[in-house]
PDB file of N, CA and C in Angstrom:
ATOM      1  N   MET A   1      99.527 -82.029-110.228  1.00  0.00           N
ATOM      2  CA  MET A   1      98.686 -82.336-110.974  1.00  0.00           C
ATOM      3  C   MET A   1      97.204 -82.339-110.207  1.00  0.00           C
ATOM      4  N   LEU A   2      96.480 -81.696-110.383  1.00  0.00           N
ATOM      5  CA  LEU A   2      94.832 -81.827-109.574  1.00  0.00           C
ATOM      6  C   LEU A   2      94.410 -83.006-110.203  1.00  0.00           C
ATOM      7  N   GLU A   3      93.863 -84.072-109.436  1.00  0.00           N
ATOM      8  CA  GLU A   3      93.275 -85.164-109.566  1.00  0.00           C
ATOM      9  C   GLU A   3      91.933 -84.956-109.059  1.00  0.00           C
ATOM     10  N   ALA A   4      90.573 -85.283-110.075  1.00  0.00           N
ATOM     11  CA  ALA A   4      89.367 -85.066-109.888  1.00  0.00           C
ATOM     12  C   ALA A   4      89.134 -85.523-108.585  1.00  0.00           C
ATOM     13  N   GLN A   5      89.400 -86.904-108.125  1.00  0.00           N
ATOM     14  CA  GLN A   5      89.001 -87.439-106.791  1.00  0.00           C
ATOM     15  C   GLN A   5      89.411 -86.398-105.417  1.00  0.00           C
ATOM     16  N   SER A   6      90.478 -86.032-105.457  1.00  0.00           N
ATOM     17  CA  SER A   6      91.156 -85.100-104.645  1.00  0.00           C
ATOM     18  C   SER A   6      90.237 -83.684-104.462  1.00  0.00           C
ATOM     19  N   PHE A   7      89.891 -83.138-105.567  1.00  0.00           N
ATOM     20  CA  PHE A   7      89.128 -82.004-105.836  1.00  0.00           C
ATOM     21  C   PHE A   7      87.969 -82.317-105.276  1.00  0.00           C
ATOM     22  N   TYR A   8      87.202 -83.339-105.442  1.00  0.00           N
ATOM     23  CA  TYR A   8      85.822 -83.477-105.098  1.00  0.00           C
ATOM     24  C   TYR A   8      85.942 -83.896-103.602  1.00  0.00           C
ATOM     25  N   ASP A   9      86.853 -84.471-103.037  1.00  0.00           N
ATOM     26  CA  ASP A   9      87.102 -84.969-101.538  1.00  0.00           C
ATOM     27  C   ASP A   9      87.047 -83.382-100.974  1.00  0.00           C
ATOM     28  N   VAL A  10      87.928 -82.632-101.359  1.00  0.00           N
ATOM     29  CA  VAL A  10      87.827 -81.273-100.963  1.00  0.00           C
ATOM     30  C   VAL A  10      86.717 -80.587-100.535  1.00  0.00           C
ATOM     31  N   LEU A  11      85.868 -80.752-101.810  1.00  0.00           N
ATOM     32  CA  LEU A  11      84.678 -80.168-101.803  1.00  0.00           C
ATOM     33  C   LEU A  11      83.430 -80.798-100.572  1.00  0.00           C
ATOM     34  N   SER A  12      84.024 -81.840-100.537  1.00  0.00           N
ATOM     35  CA  SER A  12      82.874 -82.645 -99.510  1.00  0.00           C
ATOM     36  C   SER A  12      82.772 -82.094 -98.313  1.00  0.00           C
ATOM     37  N   ASP A  13      83.690 -81.263 -97.520  1.00  0.00           N
ATOM     38  CA  ASP A  13      83.409 -80.598 -96.388  1.00  0.00           C
ATOM     39  C   ASP A  13      82.672 -79.103 -96.367  1.00  0.00           C
ATOM     40  N   GLU A  14      81.879 -78.787 -95.777  1.00  0.00           N
ATOM     41  CA  GLU A  14      81.430 -77.486 -95.315  1.00  0.00           C
ATOM     42  C   GLU A  14      82.462 -76.376 -95.184  1.00  0.00           C
ATOM     43  N   THR A  15      83.204 -76.732 -94.245  1.00  0.00           N
ATOM     44  CA  THR A  15      84.030 -75.797 -93.904  1.00  0.00           C
ATOM     45  C   THR A  15      85.033 -75.567 -95.078  1.00  0.00           C
ATOM     46  N   ARG A  16      85.687 -76.245 -95.668  1.00  0.00           N
ATOM     47  CA  ARG A  16      86.314 -75.901 -96.575  1.00  0.00           C
ATOM     48  C   ARG A  16      85.487 -75.201 -97.820  1.00  0.00           C
ATOM     49  N   ARG A  17      84.328 -75.816 -98.026  1.00  0.00           N
ATOM     50  CA  ARG A  17      83.508 -74.928 -99.312  1.00  0.00           C
ATOM     51  C   ARG A  17      83.416 -73.551 -98.888  1.00  0.00           C
ATOM     52  N   ARG A  18      83.264 -72.847 -97.602  1.00  0.00           N
ATOM     53  CA  ARG A  18      83.201 -71.679 -97.256  1.00  0.00           C
ATOM     54  C   ARG A  18      84.609 -70.810 -97.357  1.00  0.00           C
ATOM     55  N   LEU A  19      85.605 -71.869 -96.948  1.00  0.00           N
ATOM     56  CA  LEU A  19      86.790 -71.219 -97.221  1.00  0.00           C
ATOM     57  C   LEU A  19      86.905 -70.749 -98.852  1.00  0.00           C
ATOM     58  N   LEU A  20      86.831 -71.672 -99.262  1.00  0.00           N
ATOM     59  CA  LEU A  20      86.942 -71.654-101.094  1.00  0.00           C
ATOM     60  C   LEU A  20      85.901 -70.502-101.429  1.00  0.00           C
ATOM     61  N   ALA A  21      84.788 -70.523-101.067  1.00  0.00           N
ATOM     62  CA  ALA A  21      84.108 -69.444-101.512  1.00  0.00           C
ATOM     63  C   ALA A  21      84.588 -67.872-101.195  1.00  0.00           C
ATOM     64  N   LEU A  22      85.218 -67.949-100.013  1.00  0.00           N
ATOM     65  CA  LEU A  22      85.734 -66.346 -99.355  1.00  0.00           C
ATOM     66  C   LEU A  22      86.990 -66.043-100.269  1.00  0.00           C
ATOM     67  N   LEU A  23      88.073 -67.132-100.410  1.00  0.00           N
ATOM     68  CA  LEU A  23      88.770 -67.216-101.297  1.00  0.00           C
ATOM     69  C   LEU A  23      88.568 -66.775-102.833  1.00  0.00           C
ATOM     70  N   LEU A  24      87.403 -67.297-103.417  1.00  0.00           N
ATOM     71  CA  LEU A  24      86.844 -66.625-104.783  1.00  0.00           C
ATOM     72  C   LEU A  24      86.507 -65.476-104.641  1.00  0.00           C
ATOM     73  N   LYS A  25      86.237 -64.843-103.386  1.00  0.00           N
ATOM     74  CA  LYS A  25      85.600 -63.339-103.485  1.00  0.00           C
ATOM     75  C   LYS A  25      86.709 -62.348-103.351  1.00  0.00           C
ATOM     76  N   GLU A  26      87.560 -62.695-102.284  1.00  0.00           N
ATOM     77  CA  GLU A  26      88.836 -61.787-102.032  1.00  0.00           C
ATOM     78  C   GLU A  26      90.164 -62.148-102.711  1.00  0.00           C
ATOM     79  N   GLY A  27      90.202 -63.479-103.073  1.00  0.00           N
ATOM     80  CA  GLY A  27      91.452 -63.516-103.952  1.00  0.00           C
ATOM     81  C   GLY A  27      92.499 -64.241-103.141  1.00  0.00           C
ATOM     82  N   GLU A  28      92.710 -63.346-102.001  1.00  0.00           N
ATOM     83  CA  GLU A  28      93.812 -64.070-101.257  1.00  0.00           C
ATOM     84  C   GLU A  28      93.698 -63.707 -99.924  1.00  0.00           C
ATOM     85  N   LEU A  29      94.112 -64.450 -98.985  1.00  0.00           N
ATOM     86  CA  LEU A  29      93.591 -64.218 -97.599  1.00  0.00           C
ATOM     87  C   LEU A  29      94.718 -64.942 -96.651  1.00  0.00           C
ATOM     88  N   CYS A  30      95.046 -64.520 -95.685  1.00  0.00           N
ATOM     89  CA  CYS A  30      95.959 -65.592 -94.310  1.00  0.00           C
ATOM     90  C   CYS A  30      95.117 -66.074 -93.429  1.00  0.00           C
ATOM     91  N   VAL A  31      95.686 -66.881 -93.013  1.00  0.00           N
ATOM     92  CA  VAL A  31      95.067 -68.049 -91.957  1.00  0.00           C
ATOM     93  C   VAL A  31      94.226 -67.154 -91.028  1.00  0.00           C
ATOM     94  N   CYS A  32      94.870 -66.084 -90.535  1.00  0.00           N
ATOM     95  CA  CYS A  32      94.315 -65.311 -89.275  1.00  0.00           C
ATOM     96  C   CYS A  32      92.633 -64.764 -89.786  1.00  0.00           C
ATOM     97  N   GLU A  33      93.186 -64.319 -90.975  1.00  0.00           N
ATOM     98  CA  GLU A  33      91.775 -63.645 -91.882  1.00  0.00           C
ATOM     99  C   GLU A  33      90.666 -64.616 -91.897  1.00  0.00           C
ATOM    100  N   LEU A  34      90.778 -65.852 -92.656  1.00  0.00           N
ATOM    101  CA  LEU A  34      90.253 -67.162 -92.701  1.00  0.00           C
ATOM    102  C   LEU A  34      89.706 -67.548 -91.291  1.00  0.00           C
ATOM    103  N   GLY A  35      90.553 -67.318 -90.518  1.00  0.00           N
ATOM    104  CA  GLY A  35      89.800 -68.039 -89.048  1.00  0.00           C
ATOM    105  C   GLY A  35      88.819 -67.024 -88.405  1.00  0.00           C
ATOM    106  N   CYS A  36      89.082 -65.679 -88.547  1.00  0.00           N
ATOM    107  CA  CYS A  36      88.271 -64.809 -88.001  1.00  0.00           C
ATOM    108  C   CYS A  36      87.209 -64.820 -88.652  1.00  0.00           C
ATOM    109  N   ALA A  37      86.733 -65.272 -90.112  1.00  0.00           N
ATOM    110  CA  ALA A  37      85.911 -64.890 -90.875  1.00  0.00           C
ATOM    111  C   ALA A  37      84.781 -66.114 -90.601  1.00  0.00           C
ATOM    112  N   LEU A  38      85.349 -67.025 -90.407  1.00  0.00           N
ATOM    113  CA  LEU A  38      84.597 -68.395 -90.002  1.00  0.00           C
ATOM    114  C   LEU A  38      84.644 -68.477 -88.797  1.00  0.00           C
ATOM    115  N   ASP A  39      84.743 -67.231 -87.948  1.00  0.00           N
ATOM    116  CA  ASP A  39      84.851 -67.697 -86.220  1.00  0.00           C
ATOM    117  C   ASP A  39      85.207 -69.231 -86.136  1.00  0.00           C
ATOM    118  N   MET A  40      86.866 -69.352 -86.219  1.00  0.00           N
ATOM    119  CA  MET A  40      87.061 -70.846 -85.992  1.00  0.00           C
ATOM    120  C   MET A  40      88.561 -70.517 -85.461  1.00  0.00           C
ATOM    121  N   ALA A  41      88.999 -71.566 -84.899  1.00  0.00           N
ATOM    122  CA  ALA A  41      90.561 -71.739 -84.109  1.00  0.00           C
ATOM    123  C   ALA A  41      91.363 -71.710 -85.425  1.00  0.00           C
ATOM    124  N   GLN A  42      92.614 -71.140 -85.456  1.00  0.00           N
ATOM    125  CA  GLN A  42      93.552 -71.159 -86.201  1.00  0.00           C
ATOM    126  C   GLN A  42      94.044 -72.604 -86.713  1.00  0.00           C
ATOM    127  N   PRO A  43      94.200 -73.395 -85.584  1.00  0.00           N
ATOM    128  CA  PRO A  43      94.857 -74.726 -86.053  1.00  0.00           C
ATOM    129  C   PRO A  43      93.732 -75.709 -86.912  1.00  0.00           C
ATOM    130  N   LYS A  44      92.440 -75.468 -86.747  1.00  0.00           N
ATOM    131  CA  LYS A  44      91.557 -76.078 -87.362  1.00  0.00           C
ATOM    132  C   LYS A  44      91.610 -75.349 -88.923  1.00  0.00           C
ATOM    133  N   VAL A  45      91.431 -74.306 -89.180  1.00  0.00           N
ATOM    134  CA  VAL A  45      91.566 -73.704 -90.300  1.00  0.00           C
ATOM    135  C   VAL A  45      92.910 -74.056 -91.295  1.00  0.00           C
ATOM    136  N   SER A  46      93.863 -73.964 -90.589  1.00  0.00           N
ATOM    137  CA  SER A  46      95.122 -74.408 -91.034  1.00  0.00           C
ATOM    138  C   SER A  46      95.112 -76.031 -91.739  1.00  0.00           C
ATOM    139  N   ARG A  47      94.592 -76.628 -90.794  1.00  0.00           N
ATOM    140  CA  ARG A  47      94.652 -78.358 -91.007  1.00  0.00           C
ATOM    141  C   ARG A  47      93.271 -78.223 -92.653  1.00  0.00           C
ATOM    142  N   HIS A  48      92.250 -77.366 -92.836  1.00  0.00           N
ATOM    143  CA  HIS A  48      91.547 -77.628 -93.854  1.00  0.00           C
ATOM    144  C   HIS A  48      92.367 -76.893 -95.028  1.00  0.00           C
ATOM    145  N   LEU A  49      93.318 -75.626 -94.822  1.00  0.00           N
ATOM    146  CA  LEU A  49      94.022 -75.463 -95.863  1.00  0.00           C
ATOM    147  C   LEU A  49      95.124 -76.265 -96.179  1.00  0.00           C
ATOM    148  N   ALA A  50      95.706 -77.189 -95.364  1.00  0.00           N
ATOM    149  CA  ALA A  50      96.619 -77.986 -96.041  1.00  0.00           C
ATOM    150  C   ALA A  50      96.051 -79.177 -96.581  1.00  0.00           C
ATOM    151  N   VAL A  51      94.980 -79.439 -96.350  1.00  0.00           N
ATOM    152  CA  VAL A  51      94.138 -80.405 -97.108  1.00  0.00           C
ATOM    153  C   VAL A  51      94.224 -79.680 -98.862  1.00  0.00           C
ATOM    154  N   MET A  52      93.715 -78.707 -98.718  1.00  0.00           N
ATOM    155  CA  MET A  52      93.396 -78.160-100.077  1.00  0.00           C
ATOM    156  C   MET A  52      94.690 -77.783-100.936  1.00  0.00           C
ATOM    157  N   ARG A  53      95.531 -77.518 -99.994  1.00  0.00           N
ATOM    158  CA  ARG A  53      97.152 -77.540-100.670  1.00  0.00           C
ATOM    159  C   ARG A  53      97.746 -78.735-101.325  1.00  0.00           C
ATOM    160  N   GLU A  54      97.694 -79.656-100.242  1.00  0.00           N
ATOM    161  CA  GLU A  54      98.016 -81.000-100.823  1.00  0.00           C
ATOM    162  C   GLU A  54      97.332 -81.507-101.929  1.00  0.00           C
ATOM    163  N   ALA A  55      95.950 -81.144-102.118  1.00  0.00           N
ATOM    164  CA  ALA A  55      95.127 -81.722-103.330  1.00  0.00           C
ATOM    165  C   ALA A  55      95.535 -80.595-104.533  1.00  0.00           C
ATOM    166  N   GLU A  56      96.197 -79.666-104.155  1.00  0.00           N
ATOM    167  CA  GLU A  56      96.718 -78.815-105.241  1.00  0.00           C
ATOM    168  C   GLU A  56      95.616 -77.843-105.557  1.00  0.00           C
ATOM    169  N   VAL A  57      94.763 -77.745-104.687  1.00  0.00           N
ATOM    170  CA  VAL A  57      93.436 -76.622-105.192  1.00  0.00           C
ATOM    171  C   VAL A  57      93.902 -75.231-104.582  1.00  0.00           C
ATOM    172  N   LEU A  58      94.800 -75.323-103.819  1.00  0.00           N
ATOM    173  CA  LEU A  58      95.078 -73.880-103.192  1.00  0.00           C
ATOM    174  C   LEU A  58      96.860 -73.820-103.346  1.00  0.00           C
ATOM    175  N   SER A  59      97.501 -72.437-103.572  1.00  0.00           N
ATOM    176  CA  SER A  59      98.469 -72.377-103.399  1.00  0.00           C
ATOM    177  C   SER A  59      98.985 -71.236-102.194  1.00  0.00           C
ATOM    178  N   GLN A  60     100.458 -71.161-101.617  1.00  0.00           N
ATOM    179  CA  GLN A  60     100.391 -70.402-100.625  1.00  0.00           C
ATOM    180  C   GLN A  60     101.765 -69.542-101.123  1.00  0.00           C
ATOM    181  N   ARG A  61     101.822 -68.290-100.460  1.00  0.00           N
ATOM    182  CA  ARG A  61     103.301 -67.523-100.140  1.00  0.00           C
ATOM    183  C   ARG A  61     103.445 -66.982 -99.219  1.00  0.00           C
ATOM    184  N   ARG A  62     104.552 -66.481 -98.949  1.00  0.00           N
ATOM    185  CA  ARG A  62     105.129 -65.925 -97.579  1.00  0.00           C
ATOM    186  C   ARG A  62     105.568 -64.694 -97.653  1.00  0.00           C
ATOM    187  N   GLU A  63     104.727 -64.061 -96.833  1.00  0.00           N
ATOM    188  CA  GLU A  63     105.171 -62.616 -96.514  1.00  0.00           C
ATOM    189  C   GLU A  63     105.587 -62.457 -95.266  1.00  0.00           C
ATOM    190  N   GLY A  64     106.981 -62.316 -95.034  1.00  0.00           N
ATOM    191  CA  GLY A  64     107.234 -62.034 -93.663  1.00  0.00           C
ATOM    192  C   GLY A  64     106.760 -63.194 -93.034  1.00  0.00           C
ATOM    193  N   THR A  65     106.065 -62.846 -91.675  1.00  0.00           N
ATOM    194  CA  THR A  65     105.512 -63.862 -90.813  1.00  0.00           C
ATOM    195  C   THR A  65     104.252 -64.386 -91.383  1.00  0.00           C
ATOM    196  N   TRP A  66     103.564 -63.825 -92.438  1.00  0.00           N
ATOM    197  CA  TRP A  66     102.073 -64.220 -93.037  1.00  0.00           C
ATOM    198  C   TRP A  66     102.373 -65.309 -93.870  1.00  0.00           C
ATOM    199  N   VAL A  67     101.463 -66.219 -93.981  1.00  0.00           N
ATOM    200  CA  VAL A  67     101.354 -67.191 -95.107  1.00  0.00           C
ATOM    201  C   VAL A  67     100.062 -66.725 -95.745  1.00  0.00           C
ATOM    202  N   TYR A  68      99.871 -66.446 -97.370  1.00  0.00           N
ATOM    203  CA  TYR A  68      98.743 -66.158 -97.582  1.00  0.00           C
ATOM    204  C   TYR A  68      97.717 -67.057 -98.510  1.00  0.00           C
ATOM    205  N   TYR A  69      96.744 -67.454 -98.624  1.00  0.00           N
ATOM    206  CA  TYR A  69      96.475 -68.578 -99.518  1.00  0.00           C
ATOM    207  C   TYR A  69      95.550 -67.959-100.537  1.00  0.00           C
ATOM    208  N   ARG A  70      95.778 -68.580-101.777  1.00  0.00           N
ATOM    209  CA  ARG A  70      94.605 -68.247-102.689  1.00  0.00           C
ATOM    210  C   ARG A  70      94.576 -69.449-103.664  1.00  0.00           C
ATOM    211  N   LEU A  71      93.586 -69.540-104.756  1.00  0.00           N
ATOM    212  CA  LEU A  71      93.225 -70.699-105.373  1.00  0.00           C
ATOM    213  C   LEU A  71      94.544 -70.782-106.570  1.00  0.00           C
ATOM    214  N   HIS A  72      94.864 -72.295-106.313  1.00  0.00           N
ATOM    215  CA  HIS A  72      96.119 -72.549-107.279  1.00  0.00           C
ATOM    216  C   HIS A  72      95.839 -71.835-108.609  1.00  0.00           C
ATOM    217  N   PRO A  73      97.084 -71.128-108.897  1.00  0.00           N
ATOM    218  CA  PRO A  73      96.894 -70.394-110.207  1.00  0.00           C
ATOM    219  C   PRO A  73      96.854 -71.337-111.654  1.00  0.00           C
ATOM    220  N   GLN A  74      97.050 -72.803-111.572  1.00  0.00           N
ATOM    221  CA  GLN A  74      97.180 -73.288-112.429  1.00  0.00           C
ATOM    222  C   GLN A  74      96.049 -74.473-112.454  1.00  0.00           C
ATOM    223  N   LEU A  75      94.919 -73.876-111.644  1.00  0.00           N
ATOM    224  CA  LEU A  75      93.865 -75.025-111.707  1.00  0.00           C
ATOM    225  C   LEU A  75      92.885 -74.790-112.772  1.00  0.00           C
ATOM    226  N   PRO A  76      92.972 -76.390-113.237  1.00  0.00           N
ATOM    227  CA  PRO A  76      92.037 -76.489-114.406  1.00  0.00           C
ATOM    228  C   PRO A  76      90.770 -75.845-114.790  1.00  0.00           C
ATOM    229  N   LEU A  77      90.238 -75.650-115.733  1.00  0.00           N
ATOM    230  CA  LEU A  77      89.079 -74.856-116.070  1.00  0.00           C
ATOM    231  C   LEU A  77      88.146 -75.449-115.342  1.00  0.00           C
ATOM    232  N   TRP A  78      88.009 -77.053-115.690  1.00  0.00           N
ATOM    233  CA  TRP A  78      86.599 -77.542-115.077  1.00  0.00           C
ATOM    234  C   TRP A  78      86.562 -77.550-113.714  1.00  0.00           C
ATOM    235  N   ALA A  79      87.941 -77.436-112.677  1.00  0.00           N
ATOM    236  CA  ALA A  79      87.984 -77.214-111.353  1.00  0.00           C
ATOM    237  C   ALA A  79      87.314 -76.005-111.152  1.00  0.00           C
ATOM    238  N   ALA A  80      87.832 -75.056-111.959  1.00  0.00           N
ATOM    239  CA  ALA A  80      87.770 -73.355-111.766  1.00  0.00           C
ATOM    240  C   ALA A  80      85.984 -73.107-111.836  1.00  0.00           C
ATOM    241  N   ARG A  81      85.129 -73.936-112.686  1.00  0.00           N
ATOM    242  CA  ARG A  81      84.341 -73.502-113.077  1.00  0.00           C
ATOM    243  C   ARG A  81      83.212 -74.408-112.005  1.00  0.00           C
ATOM    244  N   SER A  82      83.755 -75.185-111.439  1.00  0.00           N
ATOM    245  CA  SER A  82      83.159 -75.952-110.532  1.00  0.00           C
ATOM    246  C   SER A  82      83.320 -75.478-109.266  1.00  0.00           C
ATOM    247  N   LEU A  83      83.795 -75.103-109.043  1.00  0.00           N
ATOM    248  CA  LEU A  83      84.225 -73.946-107.757  1.00  0.00           C
ATOM    249  C   LEU A  83      83.063 -72.604-107.551  1.00  0.00           C
ATOM    250  N   GLU A  84      83.256 -71.971-108.942  1.00  0.00           N
ATOM    251  CA  GLU A  84      82.263 -70.690-108.943  1.00  0.00           C
ATOM    252  C   GLU A  84      81.143 -71.420-108.922  1.00  0.00           C
ATOM    253  N   LEU A  85      80.189 -72.297-109.549  1.00  0.00           N
ATOM    254  CA  LEU A  85      79.040 -73.187-109.485  1.00  0.00           C
ATOM    255  C   LEU A  85      78.742 -73.354-107.856  1.00  0.00           C
ATOM    256  N   MET A  86      79.933 -74.085-107.287  1.00  0.00           N
ATOM    257  CA  MET A  86      79.644 -74.298-105.965  1.00  0.00           C
ATOM    258  C   MET A  86      79.151 -73.182-104.962  1.00  0.00           C
ATOM    259  N   ALA A  87      80.132 -71.722-105.273  1.00  0.00           N
ATOM    260  CA  ALA A  87      79.804 -70.635-104.438  1.00  0.00           C
ATOM    261  C   ALA A  87      78.472 -70.312-104.874  1.00  0.00           C
ATOM    262  N   GLN A  88      77.864 -70.154-106.084  1.00  0.00           N
ATOM    263  CA  GLN A  88      76.913 -69.880-106.309  1.00  0.00           C
ATOM    264  C   GLN A  88      75.854 -70.752-105.514  1.00  0.00           C
ATOM    265  N   GLY A  89      75.797 -71.571-105.334  1.00  0.00           N
ATOM    266  CA  GLY A  89      74.698 -72.774-104.557  1.00  0.00           C
ATOM    267  C   GLY A  89      74.798 -72.895-103.010  1.00  0.00           C
ATOM    268  N   LEU A  90      76.095 -72.137-102.419  1.00  0.00           N
ATOM    269  CA  LEU A  90      75.729 -72.192-100.816  1.00  0.00           C
ATOM    270  C   LEU A  90      74.915 -71.424-100.294  1.00  0.00           C
ATOM    271  N   PRO A  91      74.510 -71.764 -99.161  1.00  0.00           N
ATOM    272  CA  PRO A  91      73.447 -70.955 -98.518  1.00  0.00           C
ATOM    273  C   PRO A  91      73.992 -69.260 -98.185  1.00  0.00           C
ATOM    274  N   GLU A  92      73.273 -68.186 -98.510  1.00  0.00           N
ATOM    275  CA  GLU A  92      73.721 -66.714 -98.586  1.00  0.00           C
ATOM    276  C   GLU A  92      73.875 -66.533 -97.106  1.00  0.00           C
ATOM    277  N   ALA A  93      73.359 -66.939 -96.132  1.00  0.00           N
ATOM    278  CA  ALA A  93      73.295 -66.385 -94.751  1.00  0.00           C
ATOM    279  C   ALA A  93      74.780 -66.503 -94.213  1.00  0.00           C
ATOM    280  N   PRO A  94      75.162 -67.801 -93.813  1.00  0.00           N
ATOM    281  CA  PRO A  94      76.692 -68.209 -93.685  1.00  0.00           C
ATOM    282  C   PRO A  94      77.844 -67.044 -94.351  1.00  0.00           C
ATOM    283  N   LEU A  95      77.588 -67.161 -95.535  1.00  0.00           N
ATOM    284  CA  LEU A  95      78.673 -66.475 -96.588  1.00  0.00           C
ATOM    285  C   LEU A  95      78.596 -65.021 -96.337  1.00  0.00           C
ATOM    286  N   ARG A  96      77.353 -64.614 -95.808  1.00  0.00           N
ATOM    287  CA  ARG A  96      77.407 -62.843 -95.701  1.00  0.00           C
ATOM    288  C   ARG A  96      77.754 -62.921 -94.115  1.00  0.00           C
ATOM    289  N   GLN A  97      77.638 -63.678 -93.184  1.00  0.00           N
ATOM    290  CA  GLN A  97      78.259 -63.504 -92.025  1.00  0.00           C
ATOM    291  C   GLN A  97      79.616 -63.713 -92.137  1.00  0.00           C
ATOM    292  N   ASP A  98      80.326 -64.750 -92.755  1.00  0.00           N
ATOM    293  CA  ASP A  98      81.678 -64.561 -92.990  1.00  0.00           C
ATOM    294  C   ASP A  98      82.093 -63.272 -93.696  1.00  0.00           C
ATOM    295  N   ALA A  99      81.541 -63.073 -94.435  1.00  0.00           N
ATOM    296  CA  ALA A  99      81.995 -61.756 -94.918  1.00  0.00           C
ATOM    297  C   ALA A  99      82.144 -60.271 -94.000  1.00  0.00           C
ATOM    298  N   GLU A 100      81.074 -60.329 -93.410  1.00  0.00           N
ATOM    299  CA  GLU A 100      80.709 -59.238 -92.348  1.00  0.00           C
ATOM    300  C   GLU A 100      81.918 -59.223 -91.456  1.00  0.00           C
ATOM    301  N   ARG A 101      82.128 -60.832 -90.865  1.00  0.00           N
ATOM    302  CA  ARG A 101      83.184 -60.611 -89.756  1.00  0.00           C
ATOM    303  C   ARG A 101      84.693 -60.582 -90.527  1.00  0.00           C
ATOM    304  N   LEU A 102      84.937 -60.740 -91.554  1.00  0.00           N
ATOM    305  CA  LEU A 102      86.127 -60.369 -92.435  1.00  0.00           C
ATOM    306  C   LEU A 102      86.129 -59.018 -92.211  1.00  0.00           C
ATOM    307  N   GLY A 103      85.327 -58.338 -92.763  1.00  0.00           N
ATOM    308  CA  GLY A 103      85.115 -57.113 -92.841  1.00  0.00           C
ATOM    309  C   GLY A 103      85.094 -56.096 -91.703  1.00  0.00           C
ATOM    310  N   ALA A 104      84.666 -56.773 -90.597  1.00  0.00           N
ATOM    311  CA  ALA A 104      85.204 -56.154 -89.370  1.00  0.00           C
ATOM    312  C   ALA A 104      86.481 -56.463 -88.401  1.00  0.00           C
ATOM    313  N   MET A 105      87.093 -57.522 -89.340  1.00  0.00           N
ATOM    314  CA  MET A 105      88.260 -57.840 -88.423  1.00  0.00           C
ATOM    315  C   MET A 105      89.146 -56.839 -88.323  1.00  0.00           C
ATOM    316  N   ALA A 106      89.852 -56.506 -87.225  1.00  0.00           N
ATOM    317  CA  ALA A 106      90.524 -55.168 -86.608  1.00  0.00           C
ATOM    318  C   ALA A 106      92.126 -55.913 -86.901  1.00  0.00           C
ATOM    319  N   ASP A 107      92.926 -55.024 -87.078  1.00  0.00           N
ATOM    320  CA  ASP A 107      94.185 -55.376 -87.153  1.00  0.00           C
ATOM    321  C   ASP A 107      94.801 -56.399 -88.589  1.00  0.00           C
ATOM    322  N   ARG A 108      94.036 -56.494 -89.767  1.00  0.00           N
ATOM    323  CA  ARG A 108      94.204 -57.316 -90.758  1.00  0.00           C
ATOM    324  C   ARG A 108      95.663 -56.871 -91.242  1.00  0.00           C
ATOM    325  N   PRO A 109      96.404 -57.921 -91.359  1.00  0.00           N
ATOM    326  CA  PRO A 109      97.789 -57.793 -91.946  1.00  0.00           C
ATOM    327  C   PRO A 109      97.991 -56.890 -93.620  1.00  0.00           C
ATOM    328  N   ALA A 110      98.512 -56.383 -93.641  1.00  0.00           N
ATOM    329  CA  ALA A 110      98.942 -55.375 -94.862  1.00  0.00           C
ATOM    330  C   ALA A 110      99.460 -55.806 -95.797  1.00  0.00           C
ATOM    331  N   ARG A 111      99.324 -56.011 -97.054  1.00  0.00           N
ATOM    332  CA  ARG A 111      99.909 -56.717 -98.116  1.00  0.00           C
ATOM    333  C   ARG A 111     100.889 -55.385 -98.724  1.00  0.00           C
ATOM    334  N   CYS A 112     101.813 -56.195 -99.051  1.00  0.00           N
ATOM    335  CA  CYS A 112     102.887 -55.524 -99.905  1.00  0.00           C
ATOM    336  C   CYS A 112     102.846 -55.553-101.491  1.00  0.00           C
ATOM    337  N   CYS A 113     102.679 -57.014-101.803  1.00  0.00           N
ATOM    338  CA  CYS A 113     102.228 -57.463-103.290  1.00  0.00           C
ATOM    339  C   CYS A 113     101.426 -58.602-103.189  1.00  0.00           C
ATOM    340  N   ALA A 114     100.787 -58.966-103.940  1.00  0.00           N
ATOM    341  CA  ALA A 114      99.806 -60.026-103.907  1.00  0.00           C
ATOM    342  C   ALA A 114     100.096 -61.172-104.881  1.00  0.00           C
TER     343      ALA A 114
END
């Protein structure tokens, strides 16, 4: 069960806010896509994803060798609304750059189901 303190601890980090904004927009992404979008090393992105997964903000599913992340499907309404408001308040330039890098990513993994 998501605890308010853990949720707000997740939001206290800029990288995690950017990751969450991407997941809000895209729905589901793998670590390699998130790393490319933020121009960050995969281990660093994985650590942030682990923090969010442990806090029950994210869920994951495995498809072959890929692990896909998305917002936890049982996220309480207060938390989902907070994420939407957080994303609206983020500076536009970094989010636009993240989206552009993701859109330009070569060899994105194909999904058979979501």
